[in-house]
Amino acid sequence: MEKVKKVIIVDDFALSRAILKKMIAFRSDFVVCGEFENAEDCIEYLKNNDADLVIMDFCLPKMNGTNASNIIKTFSPRIKIILLVSINTRSEILMSLFANVDAYALKDVSQDQLLSIADKVFSSNIWVDFRIQHTIFNLIKYLPSSDYLYFKNLLTSNEGILIDMILKGFDKGDIAKSLNVQLPDLAVAVRSIFKKLSKTKRVIQLVEDFKYGLV
């Protein structure tokens, strides 16, 4: 018999938590063991209780989803985390670059997609919504020349091709075939690119500006 996986939902809106809980309840092998409206309470709970998956909104009171996920992974790296971000909020997209999570999904995620993402992360795969990839990679063209050269030198040849093909609108299947890799490998490469992009001075400065309401 398959082990029932314990799921925690973190969102400051009760309706959003209820919708996510209903999505998860569709599967008998998932059970919601905790619901929290802020990251701090979730972290305290996880210090003393077990869970397998955290579905967390980025935009939370006080501590955001990026900082919370990084803390959770420090004391319980085996917990899978799905971070939900808004495609219309540039600050969320940028700051999600710094998150140590297993999946980047949008807040309008469907039930089928959410359950599919959960299965993927439990199979040790990384998942990144294609629209998030496209939004972040579009930022590259606005990097100052010094940042762009620094970032470009960090990339492997395949990562450079991957960025170019995503921005040109190629689908995942075509990209994987062109690079001769499996689909899960693409997500790993995308997160690697995210981490490299997060090291550029421009992105770091933008995140700081967003944090203090300067832009």
Protein backbone atom coordinates (compact mmCIF):
# COMPACT_ATOMS: atom_id res chain seq x y z
CA MET A 1 0.00 0.00 0.00
CA GLU A 2 1.35 3.42 -0.99
CA LYS A 3 2.34 5.69 1.87
CA VAL A 4 0.02 8.64 2.45
CA LYS A 5 1.96 11.87 1.99
CA LYS A 6 1.43 14.69 4.48
CA VAL A 7 0.82 18.09 2.89
CA ILE A 8 0.97 21.58 4.42
CA ILE A 9 -0.68 24.60 2.82
CA VAL A 10 0.57 28.14 3.52
CA ASP A 11 -1.49 31.07 2.23
CA ASP A 12 -2.80 34.14 4.03
CA PHE A 13 -6.18 33.94 2.26
CA ALA A 14 -8.62 31.42 3.73
CA LEU A 15 -10.36 30.93 0.37
CA SER A 16 -7.07 30.11 -1.36
CA ARG A 17 -6.22 27.58 1.35
CA ALA A 18 -9.66 26.00 0.96
CA ILE A 19 -9.25 25.71 -2.83
CA LEU A 20 -5.79 24.15 -2.53
CA LYS A 21 -7.02 21.77 0.15
CA LYS A 22 -9.89 20.65 -2.09
CA MET A 23 -7.43 20.04 -4.94
CA ILE A 24 -5.18 17.91 -2.73
CA ALA A 25 -8.13 16.00 -1.24
CA PHE A 26 -8.90 14.62 -4.71
CA ARG A 27 -6.09 12.13 -4.16
CA SER A 28 -6.35 9.46 -1.47
CA ASP A 29 -2.55 9.25 -1.15
CA PHE A 30 -2.34 12.91 -0.01
CA VAL A 31 -3.63 14.31 3.26
CA VAL A 32 -3.50 17.93 4.42
CA CYS A 33 -1.99 17.85 7.91
CA GLY A 34 -1.67 21.60 8.43
CA GLU A 35 -2.89 24.96 7.15
CA PHE A 36 -1.17 28.24 7.99
CA GLU A 37 -1.74 31.87 7.08
CA ASN A 38 1.89 32.85 7.62
CA ALA A 39 5.33 31.33 7.14
CA GLU A 40 6.45 31.72 10.74
CA ASP A 41 3.76 29.40 12.12
CA CYS A 42 4.50 26.87 9.39
CA ILE A 43 8.21 26.85 10.25
CA GLU A 44 7.51 26.39 13.97
CA TYR A 45 5.16 23.50 13.19
CA LEU A 46 7.72 21.77 10.98
CA LYS A 47 10.39 21.98 13.66
CA ASN A 48 8.34 19.56 15.76
CA ASN A 49 6.17 17.72 13.23
CA ASP A 50 6.69 15.71 10.08
CA ALA A 51 5.46 16.60 6.58
CA ASP A 52 6.28 15.55 3.03
CA LEU A 53 5.15 18.53 0.96
CA VAL A 54 4.63 22.25 1.54
CA ILE A 55 2.56 24.25 -0.94
CA MET A 56 3.42 27.87 -0.19
CA ASP A 57 2.30 31.20 -1.57
CA PHE A 58 5.17 33.61 -2.19
CA CYS A 59 3.31 36.67 -0.92
CA LEU A 60 2.79 36.21 2.82
CA PRO A 61 2.65 38.58 5.83
CA LYS A 62 6.12 39.39 7.20
CA MET A 63 8.29 36.56 5.84
CA ASN A 64 7.84 35.76 2.14
CA GLY A 65 7.81 32.32 0.57
CA THR A 66 11.40 32.52 -0.67
CA ASN A 67 12.87 33.20 2.77
CA ALA A 68 10.58 30.65 4.40
CA SER A 69 11.46 27.89 1.93
CA ASN A 70 15.17 28.50 2.43
CA ILE A 71 14.76 28.17 6.21
CA ILE A 72 12.69 24.99 5.91
CA LYS A 73 15.25 23.39 3.62
CA THR A 74 18.06 24.10 6.11
CA PHE A 75 16.56 21.92 8.84
CA SER A 76 14.50 19.52 6.70
CA PRO A 77 15.92 19.24 3.17
CA ARG A 78 13.81 16.17 2.36
CA ILE A 79 10.55 18.18 2.48
CA LYS A 80 9.36 19.04 -1.01
CA ILE A 81 8.25 22.64 -1.58
CA ILE A 82 6.01 24.04 -4.32
CA LEU A 83 6.21 27.84 -4.46
CA LEU A 84 3.21 29.69 -5.91
CA VAL A 85 3.93 33.05 -7.53
CA SER A 86 1.96 35.63 -9.50
CA ILE A 87 2.99 36.08 -13.13
CA ASN A 88 1.76 39.69 -12.94
CA THR A 89 4.03 40.67 -10.06
CA ARG A 90 7.58 41.27 -11.23
CA SER A 91 8.97 41.45 -7.70
CA GLU A 92 7.67 37.97 -6.87
CA ILE A 93 9.16 36.52 -10.04
CA LEU A 94 12.54 38.11 -9.32
CA MET A 95 12.70 37.14 -5.67
CA SER A 96 11.66 33.57 -6.46
CA LEU A 97 15.08 33.22 -8.13
CA PHE A 98 16.56 32.97 -4.64
CA ALA A 99 14.18 30.26 -3.41
CA ASN A 100 15.40 26.75 -2.60
CA VAL A 101 12.27 24.96 -3.81
CA ASP A 102 11.38 21.91 -5.86
CA ALA A 103 8.77 23.55 -8.07
CA TYR A 104 7.85 27.05 -9.24
CA ALA A 105 4.15 27.24 -10.12
CA LEU A 106 1.66 30.01 -10.78
CA LYS A 107 -1.20 30.87 -8.46
CA ASP A 108 -3.71 29.98 -11.17
CA VAL A 109 -2.46 26.38 -11.22
CA SER A 110 -5.20 23.85 -12.03
CA GLN A 111 -5.98 20.80 -9.93
CA ASP A 112 -4.62 18.37 -12.53
CA GLN A 113 -1.46 20.41 -12.92
CA LEU A 114 -0.88 20.77 -9.17
CA LEU A 115 -1.23 17.03 -8.60
CA SER A 116 1.05 16.34 -11.56
CA ILE A 117 3.66 18.74 -10.15
CA ALA A 118 3.46 17.01 -6.76
CA ASP A 119 4.09 13.64 -8.40
CA LYS A 120 7.08 15.07 -10.26
CA VAL A 121 8.77 16.51 -7.17
CA PHE A 122 8.25 13.24 -5.28
CA SER A 123 10.06 11.55 -8.17
CA SER A 124 13.01 13.88 -7.44
CA ASN A 125 12.27 16.07 -10.44
CA ILE A 126 12.32 19.87 -10.49
CA TRP A 127 9.38 21.66 -12.11
CA VAL A 128 9.23 25.25 -13.40
CA ASP A 129 6.17 26.75 -15.06
CA PHE A 130 7.01 27.69 -18.65
CA ARG A 131 5.58 31.21 -18.23
CA ILE A 132 7.86 31.83 -15.25
CA GLN A 133 10.86 30.71 -17.30
CA HIS A 134 9.93 33.05 -20.14
CA THR A 135 9.36 36.03 -17.83
CA ILE A 136 12.69 35.59 -16.04
CA PHE A 137 14.70 34.97 -19.20
CA ASN A 138 13.22 38.13 -20.72
CA LEU A 139 14.99 40.06 -17.96
CA ILE A 140 18.35 39.07 -19.41
CA LYS A 141 18.05 41.56 -22.28
CA TYR A 142 17.82 44.40 -19.73
CA LEU A 143 21.03 43.51 -17.90
CA PRO A 144 23.81 46.12 -18.05
CA SER A 145 26.62 45.03 -20.37
CA SER A 146 28.99 44.15 -17.51
CA ASP A 147 26.32 42.01 -15.83
CA TYR A 148 25.40 40.39 -19.13
CA LEU A 149 29.00 39.38 -19.85
CA TYR A 150 29.42 38.08 -16.29
CA PHE A 151 26.21 36.06 -16.56
CA LYS A 152 27.02 34.75 -20.05
CA ASN A 153 30.40 33.48 -18.85
CA LEU A 154 28.65 31.46 -16.13
CA LEU A 155 26.46 29.60 -18.63
CA THR A 156 27.21 26.29 -20.29
CA SER A 157 26.67 26.12 -24.05
CA ASN A 158 23.47 24.10 -23.56
CA GLU A 159 22.13 26.65 -21.07
CA GLY A 160 22.67 29.43 -23.60
CA ILE A 161 20.81 27.46 -26.28
CA LEU A 162 18.02 26.66 -23.80
CA ILE A 163 17.44 30.35 -23.01
CA ASP A 164 17.40 31.26 -26.70
CA MET A 165 14.92 28.51 -27.60
CA ILE A 166 12.56 29.35 -24.73
CA LEU A 167 12.50 33.02 -25.72
CA LYS A 168 11.81 32.04 -29.34
CA GLY A 169 8.77 30.06 -28.23
CA PHE A 170 9.94 26.48 -28.74
CA ASP A 171 8.07 23.93 -26.61
CA LYS A 172 9.77 21.70 -24.06
CA GLY A 173 9.70 18.63 -26.26
CA ASP A 174 11.49 20.37 -29.13
CA ILE A 175 14.07 21.87 -26.77
CA ALA A 176 14.80 18.52 -25.12
CA LYS A 177 15.17 16.86 -28.52
CA SER A 178 17.48 19.61 -29.78
CA LEU A 179 19.71 19.37 -26.71
CA ASN A 180 19.46 15.56 -26.61
CA VAL A 181 18.31 15.52 -22.98
CA GLN A 182 15.28 14.28 -21.04
CA LEU A 183 12.50 16.67 -19.98
CA PRO A 184 13.43 16.51 -16.25
CA ASP A 185 16.96 17.61 -17.20
CA LEU A 186 15.54 20.81 -18.70
CA ALA A 187 14.05 21.86 -15.37
CA VAL A 188 17.37 21.21 -13.63
CA ALA A 189 19.10 23.39 -16.23
CA VAL A 190 16.50 26.14 -15.80
CA ARG A 191 17.04 26.27 -12.04
CA SER A 192 20.79 26.35 -12.61
CA ILE A 193 20.27 29.37 -14.87
CA PHE A 194 18.05 30.99 -12.22
CA LYS A 195 20.83 30.65 -9.65
CA LYS A 196 23.40 32.13 -12.00
CA LEU A 197 21.13 35.03 -12.92
CA SER A 198 20.52 35.73 -9.22
CA LYS A 199 24.25 36.41 -8.82
CA THR A 200 24.22 39.41 -11.15
CA LYS A 201 24.46 42.82 -9.52
CA ARG A 202 21.41 44.14 -11.38
CA VAL A 203 19.08 41.39 -10.16
CA ILE A 204 20.41 41.64 -6.60
CA GLN A 205 19.84 45.41 -6.66
CA LEU A 206 16.33 45.06 -8.11
CA VAL A 207 15.39 42.61 -5.38
CA GLU A 208 16.68 45.01 -2.73
CA ASP A 209 14.74 47.87 -4.34
CA PHE A 210 11.54 45.83 -4.38
CA LYS A 211 12.11 44.78 -0.78
CA TYR A 212 12.27 48.38 0.41
CA GLY A 213 9.60 49.71 -1.95
CA LEU A 214 11.98 51.78 -4.07
CA VAL A 215 10.52 50.57 -7.40
